Amino acid sequence: MNIVPIDEGFQRWDELLTLILSAFAYMNDRIDPPSSALQLTPTTLAAKAQSEIAYAAMEGDILCGCVFLRPEEGCLYIGKLAIAPDAQGRGIGRKLLTVAEQVARDRALASLRLETRIELVENHDVFTCWGFEKTAENAHPGFTRTTSIEMRKSISA
């Protein structure tokens, strides 16, 4: 398993989009509003990779995971952490998280931050096992109920 930067040489945007959509597909009938992943296209995904810090998990030539990272005030936001359904449960997410922790350290950011939908309690449990703690409840625009929770993990220097 290799974790590699998604940089200017990356050309597998259609495949990356398919990976993200397949990894997030289990959410489709469970969350409201729908995932922002459904709005991605190969072009917008390429633009996202240019404006953020992105990594891919590769097994040989097979793309099996990704993560997008965005520096914020005092923290590193983790977005679109996606593992191919047939590759889940093999520690790929943890490896991508380890890379995120190193990026945060390199940028002197004190924590990692992510958001997960309120309905996806199994994700809350996984992130808790990975050292994240719930720090806020949020509502998407137009909603009066909680639609997501924010979780953070402190990063030691």
C-alpha atoms as a PDB file:
ATOM      1  CA  MET A   1       0.000   0.000   0.000  1.00  0.00           C
ATOM      2  CA  ASN A   2       1.420   3.372  -1.050  1.00  0.00           C
ATOM      3  CA  ILE A   3       0.011   6.774  -0.181  1.00  0.00           C
ATOM      4  CA  VAL A   4       0.883   9.235  -2.949  1.00  0.00           C
ATOM      5  CA  PRO A   5       0.116  12.907  -3.487  1.00  0.00           C
ATOM      6  CA  ILE A   6      -2.559  13.763  -6.012  1.00  0.00           C
ATOM      7  CA  ASP A   7      -0.626  16.417  -7.877  1.00  0.00           C
ATOM      8  CA  GLU A   8      -0.357  18.025 -11.310  1.00  0.00           C
ATOM      9  CA  GLY A   9       0.678  14.688 -12.838  1.00  0.00           C
ATOM     10  CA  PHE A  10      -2.497  12.911 -11.712  1.00  0.00           C
ATOM     11  CA  GLN A  11      -4.844  12.147 -14.607  1.00  0.00           C
ATOM     12  CA  ARG A  12      -7.262   9.547 -13.233  1.00  0.00           C
ATOM     13  CA  TRP A  13     -10.114  11.939 -12.377  1.00  0.00           C
ATOM     14  CA  ASP A  14     -12.928   9.730 -13.699  1.00  0.00           C
ATOM     15  CA  GLU A  15     -11.626   6.804 -11.674  1.00  0.00           C
ATOM     16  CA  LEU A  16     -11.205   8.954  -8.557  1.00  0.00           C
ATOM     17  CA  LEU A  17     -14.756  10.241  -8.883  1.00  0.00           C
ATOM     18  CA  THR A  18     -16.043   6.672  -9.263  1.00  0.00           C
ATOM     19  CA  LEU A  19     -14.123   5.695  -6.114  1.00  0.00           C
ATOM     20  CA  ILE A  20     -15.623   8.557  -4.083  1.00  0.00           C
ATOM     21  CA  LEU A  21     -19.148   7.937  -5.326  1.00  0.00           C
ATOM     22  CA  SER A  22     -18.925   4.207  -4.644  1.00  0.00           C
ATOM     23  CA  ALA A  23     -17.499   4.784  -1.165  1.00  0.00           C
ATOM     24  CA  PHE A  24     -20.268   7.276  -0.334  1.00  0.00           C
ATOM     25  CA  ALA A  25     -23.104   5.338  -2.035  1.00  0.00           C
ATOM     26  CA  TYR A  26     -24.280   3.697   1.204  1.00  0.00           C
ATOM     27  CA  MET A  27     -25.274   7.181   2.432  1.00  0.00           C
ATOM     28  CA  ASN A  28     -27.593   7.998  -0.453  1.00  0.00           C
ATOM     29  CA  ASP A  29     -30.864   6.880   1.144  1.00  0.00           C
ATOM     30  CA  ARG A  30     -29.782   7.655   4.700  1.00  0.00           C
ATOM     31  CA  ILE A  31     -28.771  11.316   4.801  1.00  0.00           C
ATOM     32  CA  ASP A  32     -30.597  14.573   4.138  1.00  0.00           C
ATOM     33  CA  PRO A  33     -29.455  16.789   2.518  1.00  0.00           C
ATOM     34  CA  PRO A  34     -27.664  14.561  -0.022  1.00  0.00           C
ATOM     35  CA  SER A  35     -23.870  14.344   0.052  1.00  0.00           C
ATOM     36  CA  SER A  36     -21.923  17.084  -1.693  1.00  0.00           C
ATOM     37  CA  ALA A  37     -19.997  14.233  -3.358  1.00  0.00           C
ATOM     38  CA  LEU A  38     -22.959  13.863  -5.717  1.00  0.00           C
ATOM     39  CA  GLN A  39     -22.168  17.315  -7.137  1.00  0.00           C
ATOM     40  CA  LEU A  40     -18.573  16.429  -8.033  1.00  0.00           C
ATOM     41  CA  THR A  41     -17.426  16.006 -11.624  1.00  0.00           C
ATOM     42  CA  PRO A  42     -13.970  15.070 -12.904  1.00  0.00           C
ATOM     43  CA  THR A  43     -13.368  18.776 -13.597  1.00  0.00           C
ATOM     44  CA  THR A  44     -14.462  20.000 -10.162  1.00  0.00           C
ATOM     45  CA  LEU A  45     -12.524  17.197  -8.515  1.00  0.00           C
ATOM     46  CA  ALA A  46      -9.356  18.269 -10.348  1.00  0.00           C
ATOM     47  CA  ALA A  47      -9.949  21.862  -9.224  1.00  0.00           C
ATOM     48  CA  LYS A  48     -10.488  20.670  -5.647  1.00  0.00           C
ATOM     49  CA  ALA A  49      -7.159  18.824  -5.758  1.00  0.00           C
ATOM     50  CA  GLN A  50      -5.418  22.007  -6.926  1.00  0.00           C
ATOM     51  CA  SER A  51      -6.879  24.161  -4.146  1.00  0.00           C
ATOM     52  CA  GLU A  52      -6.455  21.554  -1.385  1.00  0.00           C
ATOM     53  CA  ILE A  53      -3.904  18.916  -0.411  1.00  0.00           C
ATOM     54  CA  ALA A  54      -4.940  15.527  -1.746  1.00  0.00           C
ATOM     55  CA  TYR A  55      -3.589  11.986  -1.425  1.00  0.00           C
ATOM     56  CA  ALA A  56      -4.459   8.667  -3.013  1.00  0.00           C
ATOM     57  CA  ALA A  57      -4.010   5.202  -1.563  1.00  0.00           C
ATOM     58  CA  MET A  58      -2.653   2.830  -4.200  1.00  0.00           C
ATOM     59  CA  GLU A  59      -2.230  -0.931  -4.229  1.00  0.00           C
ATOM     60  CA  GLY A  60       0.007  -1.341  -7.231  1.00  0.00           C
ATOM     61  CA  ASP A  61      -1.868   0.464  -9.979  1.00  0.00           C
ATOM     62  CA  ILE A  62      -5.233   0.160  -8.222  1.00  0.00           C
ATOM     63  CA  LEU A  63      -6.706   3.334  -6.734  1.00  0.00           C
ATOM     64  CA  CYS A  64      -8.333   2.252  -3.470  1.00  0.00           C
ATOM     65  CA  GLY A  65      -8.681   5.389  -1.342  1.00  0.00           C
ATOM     66  CA  CYS A  66      -8.286   9.136  -1.106  1.00  0.00           C
ATOM     67  CA  VAL A  67      -8.423  12.090   1.232  1.00  0.00           C
ATOM     68  CA  PHE A  68      -8.617  15.842   0.670  1.00  0.00           C
ATOM     69  CA  LEU A  69      -7.095  18.180   3.252  1.00  0.00           C
ATOM     70  CA  ARG A  70      -7.635  21.903   3.711  1.00  0.00           C
ATOM     71  CA  PRO A  71      -5.658  24.054   6.164  1.00  0.00           C
ATOM     72  CA  GLU A  72      -7.890  26.241   8.322  1.00  0.00           C
ATOM     73  CA  GLU A  73      -7.237  28.512  11.281  1.00  0.00           C
ATOM     74  CA  GLY A  74      -5.452  26.244  13.779  1.00  0.00           C
ATOM     75  CA  CYS A  75      -6.545  22.966  12.217  1.00  0.00           C
ATOM     76  CA  LEU A  76      -6.478  20.783   9.131  1.00  0.00           C
ATOM     77  CA  TYR A  77      -9.888  19.934   7.696  1.00  0.00           C
ATOM     78  CA  ILE A  78     -10.313  16.357   6.455  1.00  0.00           C
ATOM     79  CA  GLY A  79     -12.744  15.981   3.579  1.00  0.00           C
ATOM     80  CA  LYS A  80     -13.754  13.309   1.110  1.00  0.00           C
ATOM     81  CA  LEU A  81     -12.003  10.530   3.001  1.00  0.00           C
ATOM     82  CA  ALA A  82     -13.079   7.653   0.777  1.00  0.00           C
ATOM     83  CA  ILE A  83     -12.100   3.998   0.655  1.00  0.00           C
ATOM     84  CA  ALA A  84     -13.265   1.702  -2.145  1.00  0.00           C
ATOM     85  CA  PRO A  85     -15.961  -0.608  -0.753  1.00  0.00           C
ATOM     86  CA  ASP A  86     -13.934  -3.735  -1.585  1.00  0.00           C
ATOM     87  CA  ALA A  87     -10.877  -2.284   0.206  1.00  0.00           C
ATOM     88  CA  GLN A  88     -12.566  -1.217   3.445  1.00  0.00           C
ATOM     89  CA  GLY A  89     -11.482  -2.728   6.744  1.00  0.00           C
ATOM     90  CA  ARG A  90      -7.826  -3.080   5.734  1.00  0.00           C
ATOM     91  CA  GLY A  91      -6.436  -0.007   7.524  1.00  0.00           C
ATOM     92  CA  ILE A  92      -6.337   2.293   4.489  1.00  0.00           C
ATOM     93  CA  GLY A  93      -8.322   5.021   6.243  1.00  0.00           C
ATOM     94  CA  ARG A  94      -5.908   4.937   9.176  1.00  0.00           C
ATOM     95  CA  LYS A  95      -2.957   5.255   6.795  1.00  0.00           C
ATOM     96  CA  LEU A  96      -4.541   8.273   5.120  1.00  0.00           C
ATOM     97  CA  LEU A  97      -5.236   9.753   8.559  1.00  0.00           C
ATOM     98  CA  THR A  98      -1.569   9.270   9.505  1.00  0.00           C
ATOM     99  CA  VAL A  99      -0.602  11.300   6.433  1.00  0.00           C
ATOM    100  CA  ALA A 100      -3.105  13.991   7.457  1.00  0.00           C
ATOM    101  CA  GLU A 101      -1.558  14.125  10.928  1.00  0.00           C
ATOM    102  CA  GLN A 102       1.890  14.637   9.405  1.00  0.00           C
ATOM    103  CA  VAL A 103       0.586  17.402   7.122  1.00  0.00           C
ATOM    104  CA  ALA A 104      -0.920  19.109  10.192  1.00  0.00           C
ATOM    105  CA  ARG A 105       2.383  18.817  12.090  1.00  0.00           C
ATOM    106  CA  ASP A 106       4.354  20.156   9.107  1.00  0.00           C
ATOM    107  CA  ARG A 107       2.061  23.193   9.041  1.00  0.00           C
ATOM    108  CA  ALA A 108       2.073  23.637  12.847  1.00  0.00           C
ATOM    109  CA  LEU A 109      -1.686  23.008  13.025  1.00  0.00           C
ATOM    110  CA  ALA A 110      -2.881  21.806  16.418  1.00  0.00           C
ATOM    111  CA  SER A 111      -5.712  19.523  15.344  1.00  0.00           C
ATOM    112  CA  LEU A 112      -7.563  17.659  12.628  1.00  0.00           C
ATOM    113  CA  ARG A 113     -11.203  18.547  12.011  1.00  0.00           C
ATOM    114  CA  LEU A 114     -13.907  16.679  10.121  1.00  0.00           C
ATOM    115  CA  GLU A 115     -17.646  16.642   9.739  1.00  0.00           C
ATOM    116  CA  THR A 116     -19.826  13.577   9.518  1.00  0.00           C
ATOM    117  CA  ARG A 117     -23.558  13.294   9.060  1.00  0.00           C
ATOM    118  CA  ILE A 118     -25.695  12.860  12.145  1.00  0.00           C
ATOM    119  CA  GLU A 119     -27.316   9.709  10.726  1.00  0.00           C
ATOM    120  CA  LEU A 120     -24.003   7.887  10.185  1.00  0.00           C
ATOM    121  CA  VAL A 121     -23.429   6.732  13.761  1.00  0.00           C
ATOM    122  CA  GLU A 122     -21.071   3.976  12.594  1.00  0.00           C
ATOM    123  CA  ASN A 123     -18.768   6.708  11.242  1.00  0.00           C
ATOM    124  CA  HIS A 124     -18.937   8.528  14.592  1.00  0.00           C
ATOM    125  CA  ASP A 125     -17.769   5.307  16.259  1.00  0.00           C
ATOM    126  CA  VAL A 126     -14.881   4.795  13.821  1.00  0.00           C
ATOM    127  CA  PHE A 127     -13.687   8.380  14.177  1.00  0.00           C
ATOM    128  CA  THR A 128     -13.945   8.109  17.969  1.00  0.00           C
ATOM    129  CA  CYS A 129     -11.753   4.980  17.833  1.00  0.00           C
ATOM    130  CA  TRP A 130      -9.280   6.980  15.744  1.00  0.00           C
ATOM    131  CA  GLY A 131      -9.030   9.597  18.527  1.00  0.00           C
ATOM    132  CA  PHE A 132     -11.588  12.176  17.386  1.00  0.00           C
ATOM    133  CA  GLU A 133     -14.011  13.835  19.794  1.00  0.00           C
ATOM    134  CA  LYS A 134     -17.346  15.455  19.013  1.00  0.00           C
ATOM    135  CA  THR A 135     -16.996  19.230  19.284  1.00  0.00           C
ATOM    136  CA  ALA A 136     -20.147  20.650  17.677  1.00  0.00           C
ATOM    137  CA  GLU A 137     -23.486  19.918  16.071  1.00  0.00           C
ATOM    138  CA  ASN A 138     -24.339  21.778  12.867  1.00  0.00           C
ATOM    139  CA  ALA A 139     -27.274  22.245  10.521  1.00  0.00           C
ATOM    140  CA  HIS A 140     -26.958  22.631   6.762  1.00  0.00           C
ATOM    141  CA  PRO A 141     -28.481  25.807   5.316  1.00  0.00           C
ATOM    142  CA  GLY A 142     -32.263  25.552   5.242  1.00  0.00           C
ATOM    143  CA  PHE A 143     -32.424  22.917   8.001  1.00  0.00           C
ATOM    144  CA  THR A 144     -33.576  23.552  11.567  1.00  0.00           C
ATOM    145  CA  ARG A 145     -32.378  20.182  12.864  1.00  0.00           C
ATOM    146  CA  THR A 146     -28.845  18.915  13.345  1.00  0.00           C
ATOM    147  CA  THR A 147     -27.591  17.396  10.085  1.00  0.00           C
ATOM    148  CA  SER A 148     -23.910  16.878  10.905  1.00  0.00           C
ATOM    149  CA  ILE A 149     -21.481  16.754  13.756  1.00  0.00           C
ATOM    150  CA  GLU A 150     -17.997  18.175  13.889  1.00  0.00           C
ATOM    151  CA  MET A 151     -15.206  16.102  15.367  1.00  0.00           C
ATOM    152  CA  ARG A 152     -11.622  17.053  16.188  1.00  0.00           C
ATOM    153  CA  LYS A 153      -8.434  15.257  17.048  1.00  0.00           C
ATOM    154  CA  SER A 154      -5.524  17.006  18.764  1.00  0.00           C
ATOM    155  CA  ILE A 155      -2.157  16.560  17.115  1.00  0.00           C
ATOM    156  CA  SER A 156       0.986  16.361  19.209  1.00  0.00           C
ATOM    157  CA  ALA A 157       4.055  18.131  17.842  1.00  0.00           C
END
